[in-house]
Amino acid sequence: MMAKCIQLDMECAAICYASAQLMSLGSEKSKDICEICADICEACAEECSKMETEHCKECAEACKECARTCREMV
């Protein structure tokens, strides 16, 4: 039941970490990776919003905020 949620959580964590690393390096591709990061964070937020647990709802809000921040960068 939560397999897709967990998969997206892991993808979101990985892309957020990669985005932060590229930004800290001043990469010319930072904007590209931030756009992908926002897409994955939005997908994660949508999936987590479907769950009833408090930690999933908190995750959804964090992912929405991350996506907004990433969109501001691109």
N, C-alpha and C. Protein backbone atom coordinates (compact mmCIF):
# COMPACT_ATOMS: atom_id res chain seq x y z
N MET A 1 0.80 -1.19 0.00
CA MET A 1 0.00 0.00 0.00
C MET A 1 0.86 1.27 0.00
N MET A 2 1.95 1.26 0.72
CA MET A 2 2.80 2.44 0.80
C MET A 2 4.05 2.33 -0.07
N ALA A 3 4.12 1.33 -0.92
CA ALA A 3 5.32 1.10 -1.71
C ALA A 3 5.67 2.30 -2.59
N LYS A 4 4.67 2.87 -3.26
CA LYS A 4 4.93 4.02 -4.13
C LYS A 4 5.37 5.22 -3.30
N CYS A 5 4.76 5.41 -2.15
CA CYS A 5 5.12 6.50 -1.25
C CYS A 5 6.58 6.37 -0.81
N ILE A 6 6.96 5.20 -0.40
CA ILE A 6 8.32 4.96 0.06
C ILE A 6 9.32 5.15 -1.08
N GLN A 7 8.99 4.66 -2.27
CA GLN A 7 9.86 4.83 -3.43
C GLN A 7 10.07 6.31 -3.73
N LEU A 8 8.99 7.08 -3.74
CA LEU A 8 9.10 8.51 -4.01
C LEU A 8 9.85 9.24 -2.90
N ASP A 9 9.68 8.81 -1.66
CA ASP A 9 10.45 9.39 -0.55
C ASP A 9 11.95 9.23 -0.80
N MET A 10 12.34 8.04 -1.20
CA MET A 10 13.76 7.77 -1.44
C MET A 10 14.28 8.56 -2.64
N GLU A 11 13.47 8.64 -3.70
CA GLU A 11 13.86 9.42 -4.87
C GLU A 11 13.99 10.90 -4.52
N CYS A 12 13.05 11.38 -3.74
CA CYS A 12 13.05 12.78 -3.33
C CYS A 12 14.31 13.09 -2.51
N ALA A 13 14.63 12.25 -1.56
CA ALA A 13 15.83 12.46 -0.75
C ALA A 13 17.08 12.46 -1.61
N ALA A 14 17.16 11.55 -2.55
CA ALA A 14 18.34 11.44 -3.41
C ALA A 14 18.50 12.68 -4.30
N ILE A 15 17.41 13.14 -4.90
CA ILE A 15 17.50 14.28 -5.81
C ILE A 15 17.73 15.57 -5.03
N CYS A 16 17.17 15.68 -3.85
CA CYS A 16 17.43 16.87 -3.02
C CYS A 16 18.90 16.95 -2.63
N TYR A 17 19.46 15.82 -2.27
CA TYR A 17 20.88 15.78 -1.90
C TYR A 17 21.75 16.14 -3.10
N ALA A 18 21.44 15.56 -4.26
CA ALA A 18 22.20 15.86 -5.47
C ALA A 18 22.08 17.33 -5.85
N SER A 19 20.88 17.88 -5.72
CA SER A 19 20.66 19.29 -6.04
C SER A 19 21.50 20.18 -5.14
N ALA A 20 21.48 19.90 -3.86
CA ALA A 20 22.26 20.69 -2.90
C ALA A 20 23.75 20.62 -3.21
N GLN A 21 24.22 19.44 -3.56
CA GLN A 21 25.64 19.28 -3.89
C GLN A 21 26.01 20.11 -5.11
N LEU A 22 25.21 20.03 -6.17
CA LEU A 22 25.51 20.78 -7.39
C LEU A 22 25.44 22.29 -7.16
N MET A 23 24.46 22.73 -6.37
CA MET A 23 24.38 24.15 -6.07
C MET A 23 25.60 24.62 -5.29
N SER A 24 26.04 23.81 -4.33
CA SER A 24 27.21 24.21 -3.53
C SER A 24 28.48 24.25 -4.36
N LEU A 25 28.50 23.52 -5.46
CA LEU A 25 29.65 23.53 -6.36
C LEU A 25 29.55 24.65 -7.40
N GLY A 26 28.42 25.34 -7.42
CA GLY A 26 28.22 26.39 -8.41
C GLY A 26 28.04 25.85 -9.81
N SER A 27 27.47 24.67 -9.91
CA SER A 27 27.30 24.01 -11.21
C SER A 27 26.40 24.81 -12.15
N GLU A 28 26.77 24.80 -13.40
CA GLU A 28 25.94 25.42 -14.43
C GLU A 28 24.64 24.65 -14.63
N LYS A 29 24.58 23.44 -14.17
CA LYS A 29 23.39 22.58 -14.31
C LYS A 29 22.47 22.63 -13.10
N SER A 30 22.75 23.50 -12.16
CA SER A 30 21.94 23.59 -10.94
C SER A 30 20.47 23.84 -11.25
N LYS A 31 20.20 24.74 -12.18
CA LYS A 31 18.80 25.05 -12.50
C LYS A 31 18.10 23.85 -13.10
N ASP A 32 18.81 23.09 -13.94
CA ASP A 32 18.21 21.89 -14.54
C ASP A 32 17.87 20.86 -13.48
N ILE A 33 18.79 20.63 -12.56
CA ILE A 33 18.55 19.61 -11.53
C ILE A 33 17.48 20.09 -10.56
N CYS A 34 17.40 21.40 -10.32
CA CYS A 34 16.35 21.93 -9.43
C CYS A 34 14.97 21.76 -10.05
N GLU A 35 14.89 21.85 -11.35
CA GLU A 35 13.59 21.64 -12.00
C GLU A 35 13.15 20.18 -11.85
N ILE A 36 14.08 19.27 -12.03
CA ILE A 36 13.77 17.84 -11.84
C ILE A 36 13.44 17.58 -10.37
N CYS A 37 14.18 18.20 -9.48
CA CYS A 37 13.93 18.04 -8.05
C CYS A 37 12.51 18.49 -7.71
N ALA A 38 12.10 19.62 -8.24
CA ALA A 38 10.74 20.12 -7.98
C ALA A 38 9.69 19.14 -8.47
N ASP A 39 9.91 18.57 -9.65
CA ASP A 39 8.96 17.59 -10.19
C ASP A 39 8.82 16.38 -9.26
N ILE A 40 9.95 15.87 -8.80
CA ILE A 40 9.92 14.69 -7.93
C ILE A 40 9.33 15.05 -6.57
N CYS A 41 9.67 16.22 -6.03
CA CYS A 41 9.10 16.64 -4.75
C CYS A 41 7.59 16.79 -4.84
N GLU A 42 7.10 17.33 -5.94
CA GLU A 42 5.66 17.47 -6.12
C GLU A 42 4.97 16.11 -6.21
N ALA A 43 5.60 15.17 -6.90
CA ALA A 43 5.03 13.82 -6.99
C ALA A 43 5.01 13.16 -5.62
N CYS A 44 6.07 13.35 -4.87
CA CYS A 44 6.15 12.78 -3.52
C CYS A 44 5.08 13.40 -2.62
N ALA A 45 4.93 14.72 -2.70
CA ALA A 45 3.92 15.40 -1.89
C ALA A 45 2.52 14.90 -2.22
N GLU A 46 2.26 14.72 -3.49
CA GLU A 46 0.94 14.24 -3.90
C GLU A 46 0.66 12.84 -3.34
N GLU A 47 1.65 11.97 -3.45
CA GLU A 47 1.47 10.60 -2.97
C GLU A 47 1.36 10.56 -1.45
N CYS A 48 2.22 11.30 -0.76
CA CYS A 48 2.19 11.30 0.70
C CYS A 48 0.89 11.89 1.24
N SER A 49 0.31 12.84 0.50
CA SER A 49 -0.95 13.46 0.91
C SER A 49 -2.10 12.46 0.96
N LYS A 50 -1.96 11.37 0.24
CA LYS A 50 -3.00 10.34 0.20
C LYS A 50 -3.00 9.48 1.46
N MET A 51 -1.90 9.49 2.19
CA MET A 51 -1.76 8.62 3.36
C MET A 51 -2.37 9.28 4.59
N GLU A 52 -2.75 8.45 5.56
CA GLU A 52 -3.42 8.93 6.76
C GLU A 52 -2.46 9.25 7.91
N THR A 53 -1.24 8.76 7.84
CA THR A 53 -0.32 8.93 8.96
C THR A 53 0.20 10.36 9.06
N GLU A 54 0.49 10.77 10.27
CA GLU A 54 0.97 12.13 10.52
C GLU A 54 2.32 12.38 9.83
N HIS A 55 3.22 11.37 9.89
CA HIS A 55 4.53 11.59 9.28
C HIS A 55 4.43 11.73 7.76
N CYS A 56 3.45 11.10 7.15
CA CYS A 56 3.26 11.26 5.70
C CYS A 56 2.73 12.66 5.38
N LYS A 57 1.86 13.16 6.22
CA LYS A 57 1.34 14.51 6.01
C LYS A 57 2.45 15.55 6.20
N GLU A 58 3.32 15.32 7.19
CA GLU A 58 4.46 16.21 7.39
C GLU A 58 5.42 16.14 6.20
N CYS A 59 5.63 14.95 5.70
CA CYS A 59 6.48 14.75 4.53
C CYS A 59 5.91 15.50 3.33
N ALA A 60 4.61 15.40 3.13
CA ALA A 60 3.95 16.07 2.01
C ALA A 60 4.17 17.58 2.09
N GLU A 61 4.04 18.15 3.27
CA GLU A 61 4.23 19.59 3.43
C GLU A 61 5.69 19.98 3.17
N ALA A 62 6.62 19.18 3.65
CA ALA A 62 8.04 19.46 3.42
C ALA A 62 8.36 19.37 1.93
N CYS A 63 7.79 18.40 1.26
CA CYS A 63 8.03 18.25 -0.18
C CYS A 63 7.43 19.40 -0.99
N LYS A 64 6.26 19.86 -0.57
CA LYS A 64 5.65 21.02 -1.24
C LYS A 64 6.53 22.25 -1.09
N GLU A 65 7.06 22.46 0.11
CA GLU A 65 7.93 23.60 0.35
C GLU A 65 9.23 23.49 -0.46
N CYS A 66 9.78 22.30 -0.51
CA CYS A 66 11.00 22.07 -1.30
C CYS A 66 10.73 22.35 -2.78
N ALA A 67 9.62 21.88 -3.29
CA ALA A 67 9.27 22.11 -4.69
C ALA A 67 9.12 23.59 -4.98
N ARG A 68 8.48 24.32 -4.07
CA ARG A 68 8.31 25.77 -4.24
C ARG A 68 9.68 26.47 -4.30
N THR A 69 10.55 26.09 -3.39
CA THR A 69 11.88 26.68 -3.34
C THR A 69 12.65 26.37 -4.62
N CYS A 70 12.58 25.14 -5.07
CA CYS A 70 13.27 24.76 -6.31
C CYS A 70 12.72 25.54 -7.50
N ARG A 71 11.42 25.70 -7.58
CA ARG A 71 10.81 26.45 -8.68
C ARG A 71 11.26 27.90 -8.69
N GLU A 72 11.48 28.46 -7.50
CA GLU A 72 11.96 29.84 -7.40
C GLU A 72 13.38 29.97 -7.97
N MET A 73 14.15 28.90 -7.92
CA MET A 73 15.53 28.92 -8.39
C MET A 73 15.63 28.82 -9.92
N VAL A 74 14.60 28.25 -10.53
CA VAL A 74 14.64 28.10 -11.99
C VAL A 74 13.86 29.19 -12.64
